[in-house]
Amino acid sequence: RIARKSSRTAGAIPIAVNDPILPYAPGSAERKALREALTKVE
């Protein structure tokens, strides 16, 4: 099932580059999402 779904979306393979490190700055969307996720995990 997973492979069937993935083969429908098969396209160009992206050039691999290191994923940027998010800064989690105060007020940022990623910081807000992390706080919510951490509250849920804990």
PDB file of all heavy atoms in Angstrom:
ATOM      1  N   ARG A   1       0.831  -1.201   0.000  1.00  0.00           N
ATOM      2  CA  ARG A   1       0.000   0.000   0.000  1.00  0.00           C
ATOM      3  C   ARG A   1       0.867   1.253   0.000  1.00  0.00           C
ATOM      4  O   ARG A   1       0.626   2.191  -0.746  1.00  0.00           O
ATOM      5  CB  ARG A   1      -0.935  -0.009   1.201  1.00  0.00           C
ATOM      6  CG  ARG A   1      -1.953   1.125   1.140  1.00  0.00           C
ATOM      7  CD  ARG A   1      -2.810   1.178   2.378  1.00  0.00           C
ATOM      8  NE  ARG A   1      -1.951   1.633   3.453  1.00  0.00           N
ATOM      9  CZ  ARG A   1      -2.042   1.231   4.715  1.00  0.00           C
ATOM     10  NH1 ARG A   1      -2.947   0.375   5.076  1.00  0.00           N
ATOM     11  NH2 ARG A   1      -1.231   1.682   5.624  1.00  0.00           N
ATOM     12  N   ILE A   2       1.908   1.274   0.826  1.00  0.00           N
ATOM     13  CA  ILE A   2       2.810   2.423   0.883  1.00  0.00           C
ATOM     14  C   ILE A   2       3.513   2.603  -0.450  1.00  0.00           C
ATOM     15  O   ILE A   2       3.605   3.702  -0.978  1.00  0.00           O
ATOM     16  CB  ILE A   2       3.840   2.258   2.018  1.00  0.00           C
ATOM     17  CG1 ILE A   2       3.140   2.312   3.366  1.00  0.00           C
ATOM     18  CG2 ILE A   2       4.916   3.341   1.951  1.00  0.00           C
ATOM     19  CD1 ILE A   2       4.028   1.893   4.521  1.00  0.00           C
ATOM     20  N   ALA A   3       4.003   1.528  -1.017  1.00  0.00           N
ATOM     21  CA  ALA A   3       4.735   1.610  -2.279  1.00  0.00           C
ATOM     22  C   ALA A   3       3.828   2.061  -3.418  1.00  0.00           C
ATOM     23  O   ALA A   3       4.246   2.831  -4.266  1.00  0.00           O
ATOM     24  CB  ALA A   3       5.372   0.267  -2.596  1.00  0.00           C
ATOM     25  N   ARG A   4       2.572   1.605  -3.429  1.00  0.00           N
ATOM     26  CA  ARG A   4       1.646   2.050  -4.476  1.00  0.00           C
ATOM     27  C   ARG A   4       1.433   3.549  -4.397  1.00  0.00           C
ATOM     28  O   ARG A   4       1.449   4.238  -5.391  1.00  0.00           O
ATOM     29  CB  ARG A   4       0.307   1.321  -4.347  1.00  0.00           C
ATOM     30  CG  ARG A   4       0.251  -0.004  -5.071  1.00  0.00           C
ATOM     31  CD  ARG A   4      -1.182  -0.480  -5.242  1.00  0.00           C
ATOM     32  NE  ARG A   4      -1.947  -0.503  -4.013  1.00  0.00           N
ATOM     33  CZ  ARG A   4      -1.946  -1.492  -3.139  1.00  0.00           C
ATOM     34  NH1 ARG A   4      -1.214  -2.550  -3.329  1.00  0.00           N
ATOM     35  NH2 ARG A   4      -2.691  -1.429  -2.051  1.00  0.00           N
ATOM     36  N   LYS A   5       1.241   4.061  -3.180  1.00  0.00           N
ATOM     37  CA  LYS A   5       1.061   5.496  -3.013  1.00  0.00           C
ATOM     38  C   LYS A   5       2.303   6.246  -3.467  1.00  0.00           C
ATOM     39  O   LYS A   5       2.217   7.259  -4.142  1.00  0.00           O
ATOM     40  CB  LYS A   5       0.773   5.848  -1.550  1.00  0.00           C
ATOM     41  CG  LYS A   5      -0.637   5.626  -1.115  1.00  0.00           C
ATOM     42  CD  LYS A   5      -0.796   6.117   0.306  1.00  0.00           C
ATOM     43  CE  LYS A   5      -2.231   6.100   0.736  1.00  0.00           C
ATOM     44  NZ  LYS A   5      -2.382   6.596   2.099  1.00  0.00           N
ATOM     45  N   SER A   6       3.473   5.754  -3.091  1.00  0.00           N
ATOM     46  CA  SER A   6       4.695   6.466  -3.423  1.00  0.00           C
ATOM     47  C   SER A   6       4.982   6.428  -4.911  1.00  0.00           C
ATOM     48  O   SER A   6       5.515   7.372  -5.459  1.00  0.00           O
ATOM     49  CB  SER A   6       5.882   5.917  -2.632  1.00  0.00           C
ATOM     50  OG  SER A   6       6.185   4.627  -3.055  1.00  0.00           O
ATOM     51  N   SER A   7       4.613   5.343  -5.601  1.00  0.00           N
ATOM     52  CA  SER A   7       4.914   5.272  -7.030  1.00  0.00           C
ATOM     53  C   SER A   7       4.035   6.246  -7.813  1.00  0.00           C
ATOM     54  O   SER A   7       4.432   6.714  -8.868  1.00  0.00           O
ATOM     55  CB  SER A   7       4.753   3.848  -7.553  1.00  0.00           C
ATOM     56  OG  SER A   7       3.409   3.439  -7.489  1.00  0.00           O
ATOM     57  N   ARG A   8       2.873   6.591  -7.287  1.00  0.00           N
ATOM     58  CA  ARG A   8       2.019   7.571  -7.960  1.00  0.00           C
ATOM     59  C   ARG A   8       2.616   8.966  -7.860  1.00  0.00           C
ATOM     60  O   ARG A   8       2.338   9.812  -8.686  1.00  0.00           O
ATOM     61  CB  ARG A   8       0.624   7.560  -7.334  1.00  0.00           C
ATOM     62  CG  ARG A   8      -0.189   6.336  -7.706  1.00  0.00           C
ATOM     63  CD  ARG A   8      -1.645   6.559  -7.381  1.00  0.00           C
ATOM     64  NE  ARG A   8      -1.869   6.757  -5.962  1.00  0.00           N
ATOM     65  CZ  ARG A   8      -2.290   5.822  -5.122  1.00  0.00           C
ATOM     66  NH1 ARG A   8      -2.525   4.612  -5.555  1.00  0.00           N
ATOM     67  NH2 ARG A   8      -2.480   6.089  -3.857  1.00  0.00           N
ATOM     68  N   THR A   9       3.413   9.200  -6.811  1.00  0.00           N
ATOM     69  CA  THR A   9       4.000  10.526  -6.629  1.00  0.00           C
ATOM     70  C   THR A   9       5.444  10.568  -7.087  1.00  0.00           C
ATOM     71  O   THR A   9       6.128  11.557  -6.881  1.00  0.00           O
ATOM     72  CB  THR A   9       3.925  10.936  -5.146  1.00  0.00           C
ATOM     73  OG1 THR A   9       4.666   9.989  -4.381  1.00  0.00           O
ATOM     74  CG2 THR A   9       2.498  11.021  -4.656  1.00  0.00           C
ATOM     75  N   ALA A  10       5.907   9.488  -7.714  1.00  0.00           N
ATOM     76  CA  ALA A  10       7.302   9.436  -8.139  1.00  0.00           C
ATOM     77  C   ALA A  10       7.571  10.536  -9.144  1.00  0.00           C
ATOM     78  O   ALA A  10       6.836  10.732 -10.083  1.00  0.00           O
ATOM     79  CB  ALA A  10       7.622   8.071  -8.735  1.00  0.00           C
ATOM     80  N   GLY A  11       8.620  11.266  -8.910  1.00  0.00           N
ATOM     81  CA  GLY A  11       9.008  12.338  -9.811  1.00  0.00           C
ATOM     82  C   GLY A  11      10.501  12.472  -9.772  1.00  0.00           C
ATOM     83  O   GLY A  11      11.212  11.518  -9.512  1.00  0.00           O
ATOM     84  N   ALA A  12      10.953  13.657 -10.019  1.00  0.00           N
ATOM     85  CA  ALA A  12      12.381  13.916 -10.002  1.00  0.00           C
ATOM     86  C   ALA A  12      12.910  13.777  -8.584  1.00  0.00           C
ATOM     87  O   ALA A  12      12.268  14.201  -7.627  1.00  0.00           O
ATOM     88  CB  ALA A  12      12.653  15.310 -10.532  1.00  0.00           C
ATOM     89  N   ILE A  13      14.056  13.177  -8.473  1.00  0.00           N
ATOM     90  CA  ILE A  13      14.687  13.027  -7.171  1.00  0.00           C
ATOM     91  C   ILE A  13      15.404  14.344  -6.854  1.00  0.00           C
ATOM     92  O   ILE A  13      16.213  14.817  -7.648  1.00  0.00           O
ATOM     93  CB  ILE A  13      15.695  11.857  -7.170  1.00  0.00           C
ATOM     94  CG1 ILE A  13      14.992  10.559  -7.538  1.00  0.00           C
ATOM     95  CG2 ILE A  13      16.409  11.745  -5.838  1.00  0.00           C
ATOM     96  CD1 ILE A  13      13.830  10.174  -6.662  1.00  0.00           C
ATOM     97  N   PRO A  14      15.101  14.944  -5.716  1.00  0.00           N
ATOM     98  CA  PRO A  14      15.743  16.219  -5.391  1.00  0.00           C
ATOM     99  C   PRO A  14      17.232  16.037  -5.122  1.00  0.00           C
ATOM    100  O   PRO A  14      17.671  14.971  -4.706  1.00  0.00           O
ATOM    101  CB  PRO A  14      15.013  16.670  -4.121  1.00  0.00           C
ATOM    102  CG  PRO A  14      14.473  15.424  -3.525  1.00  0.00           C
ATOM    103  CD  PRO A  14      14.202  14.492  -4.673  1.00  0.00           C
ATOM    104  N   ILE A  15      17.979  17.067  -5.390  1.00  0.00           N
ATOM    105  CA  ILE A  15      19.397  17.070  -5.055  1.00  0.00           C
ATOM    106  C   ILE A  15      19.482  17.176  -3.529  1.00  0.00           C
ATOM    107  O   ILE A  15      18.890  18.068  -2.925  1.00  0.00           O
ATOM    108  CB  ILE A  15      20.128  18.267  -5.704  1.00  0.00           C
ATOM    109  CG1 ILE A  15      19.970  18.230  -7.226  1.00  0.00           C
ATOM    110  CG2 ILE A  15      21.590  18.301  -5.287  1.00  0.00           C
ATOM    111  CD1 ILE A  15      20.580  17.019  -7.889  1.00  0.00           C
ATOM    112  N   ALA A  16      20.201  16.260  -2.927  1.00  0.00           N
ATOM    113  CA  ALA A  16      20.302  16.235  -1.466  1.00  0.00           C
ATOM    114  C   ALA A  16      21.172  17.392  -0.976  1.00  0.00           C
ATOM    115  O   ALA A  16      22.267  17.615  -1.483  1.00  0.00           O
ATOM    116  CB  ALA A  16      20.871  14.905  -1.010  1.00  0.00           C
ATOM    117  N   VAL A  17      20.650  18.127  -0.035  1.00  0.00           N
ATOM    118  CA  VAL A  17      21.392  19.181   0.660  1.00  0.00           C
ATOM    119  C   VAL A  17      21.080  19.029   2.142  1.00  0.00           C
ATOM    120  O   VAL A  17      20.016  18.535   2.513  1.00  0.00           O
ATOM    121  CB  VAL A  17      21.010  20.604   0.187  1.00  0.00           C
ATOM    122  CG1 VAL A  17      21.395  20.827  -1.264  1.00  0.00           C
ATOM    123  CG2 VAL A  17      19.532  20.869   0.379  1.00  0.00           C
ATOM    124  N   ASN A  18      22.004  19.454   2.978  1.00  0.00           N
ATOM    125  CA  ASN A  18      21.749  19.365   4.414  1.00  0.00           C
ATOM    126  C   ASN A  18      20.532  20.206   4.780  1.00  0.00           C
ATOM    127  O   ASN A  18      20.408  21.357   4.350  1.00  0.00           O
ATOM    128  CB  ASN A  18      22.959  19.847   5.218  1.00  0.00           C
ATOM    129  CG  ASN A  18      24.100  18.865   5.135  1.00  0.00           C
ATOM    130  OD1 ASN A  18      25.068  19.099   4.438  1.00  0.00           O
ATOM    131  ND2 ASN A  18      23.982  17.759   5.826  1.00  0.00           N
ATOM    132  N   ASP A  19      19.640  19.612   5.549  1.00  0.00           N
ATOM    133  CA  ASP A  19      18.452  20.329   5.977  1.00  0.00           C
ATOM    134  C   ASP A  19      18.863  21.439   6.939  1.00  0.00           C
ATOM    135  O   ASP A  19      19.681  21.206   7.834  1.00  0.00           O
ATOM    136  CB  ASP A  19      17.471  19.366   6.666  1.00  0.00           C
ATOM    137  CG  ASP A  19      16.096  19.958   6.765  1.00  0.00           C
ATOM    138  OD1 ASP A  19      15.481  20.175   5.698  1.00  0.00           O
ATOM    139  OD2 ASP A  19      15.641  20.212   7.883  1.00  0.00           O
ATOM    140  N   PRO A  20      18.316  22.632   6.776  1.00  0.00           N
ATOM    141  CA  PRO A  20      18.707  23.728   7.679  1.00  0.00           C
ATOM    142  C   PRO A  20      18.207  23.492   9.102  1.00  0.00           C
ATOM    143  O   PRO A  20      17.140  22.925   9.314  1.00  0.00           O
ATOM    144  CB  PRO A  20      18.045  24.956   7.061  1.00  0.00           C
ATOM    145  CG  PRO A  20      16.952  24.432   6.203  1.00  0.00           C
ATOM    146  CD  PRO A  20      17.364  23.055   5.764  1.00  0.00           C
ATOM    147  N   ILE A  21      18.998  23.925  10.051  1.00  0.00           N
ATOM    148  CA  ILE A  21      18.642  23.816  11.461  1.00  0.00           C
ATOM    149  C   ILE A  21      17.710  24.979  11.793  1.00  0.00           C
ATOM    150  O   ILE A  21      18.072  26.141  11.602  1.00  0.00           O
ATOM    151  CB  ILE A  21      19.904  23.863  12.347  1.00  0.00           C
ATOM    152  CG1 ILE A  21      20.817  22.692  11.996  1.00  0.00           C
ATOM    153  CG2 ILE A  21      19.536  23.871  13.827  1.00  0.00           C
ATOM    154  CD1 ILE A  21      22.210  22.804  12.586  1.00  0.00           C
ATOM    155  N   LEU A  22      16.532  24.659  12.264  1.00  0.00           N
ATOM    156  CA  LEU A  22      15.583  25.715  12.629  1.00  0.00           C
ATOM    157  C   LEU A  22      16.047  26.380  13.921  1.00  0.00           C
ATOM    158  O   LEU A  22      16.507  25.698  14.843  1.00  0.00           O
ATOM    159  CB  LEU A  22      14.175  25.146  12.780  1.00  0.00           C
ATOM    160  CG  LEU A  22      13.570  24.491  11.541  1.00  0.00           C
ATOM    161  CD1 LEU A  22      12.148  24.012  11.831  1.00  0.00           C
ATOM    162  CD2 LEU A  22      13.582  25.438  10.353  1.00  0.00           C
ATOM    163  N   PRO A  23      15.886  27.698  14.032  1.00  0.00           N
ATOM    164  CA  PRO A  23      16.410  28.405  15.217  1.00  0.00           C
ATOM    165  C   PRO A  23      15.494  28.364  16.448  1.00  0.00           C
ATOM    166  O   PRO A  23      15.947  28.626  17.554  1.00  0.00           O
ATOM    167  CB  PRO A  23      16.572  29.840  14.717  1.00  0.00           C
ATOM    168  CG  PRO A  23      15.562  29.978  13.628  1.00  0.00           C
ATOM    169  CD  PRO A  23      15.463  28.612  12.982  1.00  0.00           C
ATOM    170  N   TYR A  24      14.229  28.086  16.278  1.00  0.00           N
ATOM    171  CA  TYR A  24      13.271  28.073  17.394  1.00  0.00           C
ATOM    172  C   TYR A  24      13.309  29.402  18.164  1.00  0.00           C
ATOM    173  O   TYR A  24      13.297  29.426  19.392  1.00  0.00           O
ATOM    174  CB  TYR A  24      13.505  26.871  18.317  1.00  0.00           C
ATOM    175  CG  TYR A  24      13.221  25.576  17.612  1.00  0.00           C
ATOM    176  CD1 TYR A  24      14.220  24.905  16.908  1.00  0.00           C
ATOM    177  CD2 TYR A  24      11.941  25.041  17.591  1.00  0.00           C
ATOM    178  CE1 TYR A  24      13.962  23.734  16.210  1.00  0.00           C
ATOM    179  CE2 TYR A  24      11.670  23.864  16.904  1.00  0.00           C
ATOM    180  CZ  TYR A  24      12.680  23.227  16.215  1.00  0.00           C
ATOM    181  OH  TYR A  24      12.418  22.067  15.530  1.00  0.00           O
ATOM    182  N   ALA A  25      13.338  30.476  17.416  1.00  0.00           N
ATOM    183  CA  ALA A  25      13.383  31.814  18.012  1.00  0.00           C
ATOM    184  C   ALA A  25      12.081  32.116  18.745  1.00  0.00           C
ATOM    185  O   ALA A  25      11.013  31.600  18.375  1.00  0.00           O
ATOM    186  CB  ALA A  25      13.618  32.855  16.921  1.00  0.00           C
ATOM    187  N   PRO A  26      12.155  32.953  19.795  1.00  0.00           N
ATOM    188  CA  PRO A  26      10.925  33.334  20.503  1.00  0.00           C
ATOM    189  C   PRO A  26       9.894  33.900  19.523  1.00  0.00           C
ATOM    190  O   PRO A  26      10.219  34.693  18.648  1.00  0.00           O
ATOM    191  CB  PRO A  26      11.403  34.408  21.479  1.00  0.00           C
ATOM    192  CG  PRO A  26      12.850  34.084  21.705  1.00  0.00           C
ATOM    193  CD  PRO A  26      13.343  33.565  20.372  1.00  0.00           C
ATOM    194  N   GLY A  27       8.659  33.413  19.671  1.00  0.00           N
ATOM    195  CA  GLY A  27       7.568  33.875  18.823  1.00  0.00           C
ATOM    196  C   GLY A  27       7.472  33.185  17.475  1.00  0.00           C
ATOM    197  O   GLY A  27       6.521  33.418  16.735  1.00  0.00           O
ATOM    198  N   SER A  28       8.419  32.291  17.153  1.00  0.00           N
ATOM    199  CA  SER A  28       8.398  31.624  15.850  1.00  0.00           C
ATOM    200  C   SER A  28       7.362  30.500  15.824  1.00  0.00           C
ATOM    201  O   SER A  28       6.993  29.946  16.865  1.00  0.00           O
ATOM    202  CB  SER A  28       9.779  31.071  15.508  1.00  0.00           C
ATOM    203  OG  SER A  28      10.122  30.021  16.391  1.00  0.00           O
ATOM    204  N   ALA A  29       6.940  30.172  14.629  1.00  0.00           N
ATOM    205  CA  ALA A  29       5.960  29.091  14.456  1.00  0.00           C
ATOM    206  C   ALA A  29       6.534  27.755  14.926  1.00  0.00           C
ATOM    207  O   ALA A  29       5.826  26.961  15.556  1.00  0.00           O
ATOM    208  CB  ALA A  29       5.546  28.999  12.985  1.00  0.00           C
ATOM    209  N   GLU A  30       7.824  27.501  14.634  1.00  0.00           N
ATOM    210  CA  GLU A  30       8.412  26.217  15.035  1.00  0.00           C
ATOM    211  C   GLU A  30       8.521  26.103  16.557  1.00  0.00           C
ATOM    212  O   GLU A  30       8.366  25.035  17.122  1.00  0.00           O
ATOM    213  CB  GLU A  30       9.763  25.968  14.363  1.00  0.00           C
ATOM    214  CG  GLU A  30      10.894  26.879  14.759  1.00  0.00           C
ATOM    215  CD  GLU A  30      11.121  28.046  13.808  1.00  0.00           C
ATOM    216  OE1 GLU A  30      10.240  28.357  12.991  1.00  0.00           O
ATOM    217  OE2 GLU A  30      12.206  28.640  13.880  1.00  0.00           O
ATOM    218  N   ARG A  31       8.762  27.231  17.225  1.00  0.00           N
ATOM    219  CA  ARG A  31       8.838  27.199  18.692  1.00  0.00           C
ATOM    220  C   ARG A  31       7.467  26.907  19.292  1.00  0.00           C
ATOM    221  O   ARG A  31       7.337  26.131  20.234  1.00  0.00           O
ATOM    222  CB  ARG A  31       9.408  28.514  19.223  1.00  0.00           C
ATOM    223  CG  ARG A  31       9.709  28.466  20.703  1.00  0.00           C
ATOM    224  CD  ARG A  31      10.338  29.785  21.138  1.00  0.00           C
ATOM    225  NE  ARG A  31      10.778  29.738  22.506  1.00  0.00           N
ATOM    226  CZ  ARG A  31      12.015  30.020  22.888  1.00  0.00           C
ATOM    227  NH1 ARG A  31      12.927  30.347  22.004  1.00  0.00           N
ATOM    228  NH2 ARG A  31      12.331  29.976  24.152  1.00  0.00           N
ATOM    229  N   LYS A  32       6.443  27.528  18.731  1.00  0.00           N
ATOM    230  CA  LYS A  32       5.072  27.294  19.204  1.00  0.00           C
ATOM    231  C   LYS A  32       4.684  25.821  18.993  1.00  0.00           C
ATOM    232  O   LYS A  32       4.142  25.180  19.891  1.00  0.00           O
ATOM    233  CB  LYS A  32       4.101  28.210  18.460  1.00  0.00           C
ATOM    234  CG  LYS A  32       2.659  28.055  18.899  1.00  0.00           C
ATOM    235  CD  LYS A  32       1.752  29.028  18.154  1.00  0.00           C
ATOM    236  CE  LYS A  32       0.347  28.968  18.684  1.00  0.00           C
ATOM    237  NZ  LYS A  32      -0.540  28.148  17.907  1.00  0.00           N
ATOM    238  N   ALA A  33       4.976  25.296  17.809  1.00  0.00           N
ATOM    239  CA  ALA A  33       4.650  23.893  17.517  1.00  0.00           C
ATOM    240  C   ALA A  33       5.409  22.952  18.446  1.00  0.00           C
ATOM    241  O   ALA A  33       4.851  21.950  18.923  1.00  0.00           O
ATOM    242  CB  ALA A  33       4.976  23.580  16.054  1.00  0.00           C
ATOM    243  N   LEU A  34       6.666  23.254  18.729  1.00  0.00           N
ATOM    244  CA  LEU A  34       7.461  22.416  19.624  1.00  0.00           C
ATOM    245  C   LEU A  34       6.902  22.438  21.045  1.00  0.00           C
ATOM    246  O   LEU A  34       6.807  21.404  21.698  1.00  0.00           O
ATOM    247  CB  LEU A  34       8.923  22.853  19.624  1.00  0.00           C
ATOM    248  CG  LEU A  34       9.830  22.040  20.547  1.00  0.00           C
ATOM    249  CD1 LEU A  34       9.922  20.594  20.084  1.00  0.00           C
ATOM    250  CD2 LEU A  34      11.206  22.670  20.628  1.00  0.00           C
ATOM    251  N   ARG A  35       6.537  23.621  21.531  1.00  0.00           N
ATOM    252  CA  ARG A  35       5.952  23.711  22.886  1.00  0.00           C
ATOM    253  C   ARG A  35       4.690  22.852  22.988  1.00  0.00           C
ATOM    254  O   ARG A  35       4.490  22.148  23.975  1.00  0.00           O
ATOM    255  CB  ARG A  35       5.634  25.158  23.244  1.00  0.00           C
ATOM    256  CG  ARG A  35       6.822  25.973  23.637  1.00  0.00           C
ATOM    257  CD  ARG A  35       6.364  27.345  24.166  1.00  0.00           C
ATOM    258  NE  ARG A  35       7.468  28.220  24.382  1.00  0.00           N
ATOM    259  CZ  ARG A  35       8.211  28.252  25.485  1.00  0.00           C
ATOM    260  NH1 ARG A  35       7.941  27.418  26.460  1.00  0.00           N
ATOM    261  NH2 ARG A  35       9.202  29.105  25.604  1.00  0.00           N
ATOM    262  N   GLU A  36       3.842  22.923  21.980  1.00  0.00           N
ATOM    263  CA  GLU A  36       2.614  22.118  21.978  1.00  0.00           C
ATOM    264  C   GLU A  36       2.940  20.624  21.945  1.00  0.00           C
ATOM    265  O   GLU A  36       2.343  19.837  22.679  1.00  0.00           O
ATOM    266  CB  GLU A  36       1.744  22.503  20.781  1.00  0.00           C
ATOM    267  CG  GLU A  36       1.129  23.888  20.900  1.00  0.00           C
ATOM    268  CD  GLU A  36       0.441  24.357  19.622  1.00  0.00           C
ATOM    269  OE1 GLU A  36       0.380  23.581  18.637  1.00  0.00           O
ATOM    270  OE2 GLU A  36      -0.020  25.516  19.605  1.00  0.00           O
ATOM    271  N   ALA A  37       3.888  20.245  21.105  1.00  0.00           N
ATOM    272  CA  ALA A  37       4.262  18.831  20.999  1.00  0.00           C
ATOM    273  C   ALA A  37       4.902  18.334  22.291  1.00  0.00           C
ATOM    274  O   ALA A  37       4.625  17.218  22.742  1.00  0.00           O
ATOM    275  CB  ALA A  37       5.213  18.631  19.817  1.00  0.00           C
ATOM    276  N   LEU A  38       5.739  19.156  22.907  1.00  0.00           N
ATOM    277  CA  LEU A  38       6.393  18.766  24.155  1.00  0.00           C
ATOM    278  C   LEU A  38       5.373  18.615  25.285  1.00  0.00           C
ATOM    279  O   LEU A  38       5.453  17.660  26.067  1.00  0.00           O
ATOM    280  CB  LEU A  38       7.474  19.783  24.526  1.00  0.00           C
ATOM    281  CG  LEU A  38       8.487  19.369  25.574  1.00  0.00           C
ATOM    282  CD1 LEU A  38       9.168  18.058  25.235  1.00  0.00           C
ATOM    283  CD2 LEU A  38       9.527  20.466  25.748  1.00  0.00           C
ATOM    284  N   THR A  39       4.409  19.506  25.340  1.00  0.00           N
ATOM    285  CA  THR A  39       3.342  19.392  26.337  1.00  0.00           C
ATOM    286  C   THR A  39       2.580  18.080  26.155  1.00  0.00           C
ATOM    287  O   THR A  39       2.297  17.382  27.127  1.00  0.00           O
ATOM    288  CB  THR A  39       2.373  20.589  26.236  1.00  0.00           C
ATOM    289  OG1 THR A  39       3.098  21.781  26.525  1.00  0.00           O
ATOM    290  CG2 THR A  39       1.202  20.450  27.196  1.00  0.00           C
ATOM    291  N   LYS A  40       2.298  17.730  24.900  1.00  0.00           N
ATOM    292  CA  LYS A  40       1.581  16.488  24.614  1.00  0.00           C
ATOM    293  C   LYS A  40       2.414  15.270  25.014  1.00  0.00           C
ATOM    294  O   LYS A  40       1.910  14.350  25.669  1.00  0.00           O
ATOM    295  CB  LYS A  40       1.232  16.418  23.131  1.00  0.00           C
ATOM    296  CG  LYS A  40       0.470  15.187  22.728  1.00  0.00           C
ATOM    297  CD  LYS A  40       0.173  15.189  21.248  1.00  0.00           C
ATOM    298  CE  LYS A  40      -0.433  13.870  20.824  1.00  0.00           C
ATOM    299  NZ  LYS A  40      -0.572  13.777  19.372  1.00  0.00           N
ATOM    300  N   VAL A  41       3.694  15.255  24.652  1.00  0.00           N
ATOM    301  CA  VAL A  41       4.565  14.117  24.971  1.00  0.00           C
ATOM    302  C   VAL A  41       4.694  13.948  26.481  1.00  0.00           C
ATOM    303  O   VAL A  41       4.640  12.831  26.993  1.00  0.00           O
ATOM    304  CB  VAL A  41       5.961  14.292  24.322  1.00  0.00           C
ATOM    305  CG1 VAL A  41       6.959  13.285  24.870  1.00  0.00           C
ATOM    306  CG2 VAL A  41       5.869  14.150  22.811  1.00  0.00           C
ATOM    307  N   GLU A  42       4.867  15.042  27.188  1.00  0.00           N
ATOM    308  CA  GLU A  42       5.076  14.967  28.633  1.00  0.00           C
ATOM    309  C   GLU A  42       3.793  14.686  29.418  1.00  0.00           C
ATOM    310  O   GLU A  42       3.866  14.318  30.582  1.00  0.00           O
ATOM    311  CB  GLU A  42       5.723  16.255  29.133  1.00  0.00           C
ATOM    312  CG  GLU A  42       7.164  16.401  28.672  1.00  0.00           C
ATOM    313  CD  GLU A  42       7.824  17.679  29.141  1.00  0.00           C
ATOM    314  OE1 GLU A  42       7.112  18.685  29.389  1.00  0.00           O
ATOM    315  OE2 GLU A  42       9.056  17.682  29.254  1.00  0.00           O
TER     316      GLU A  42
END
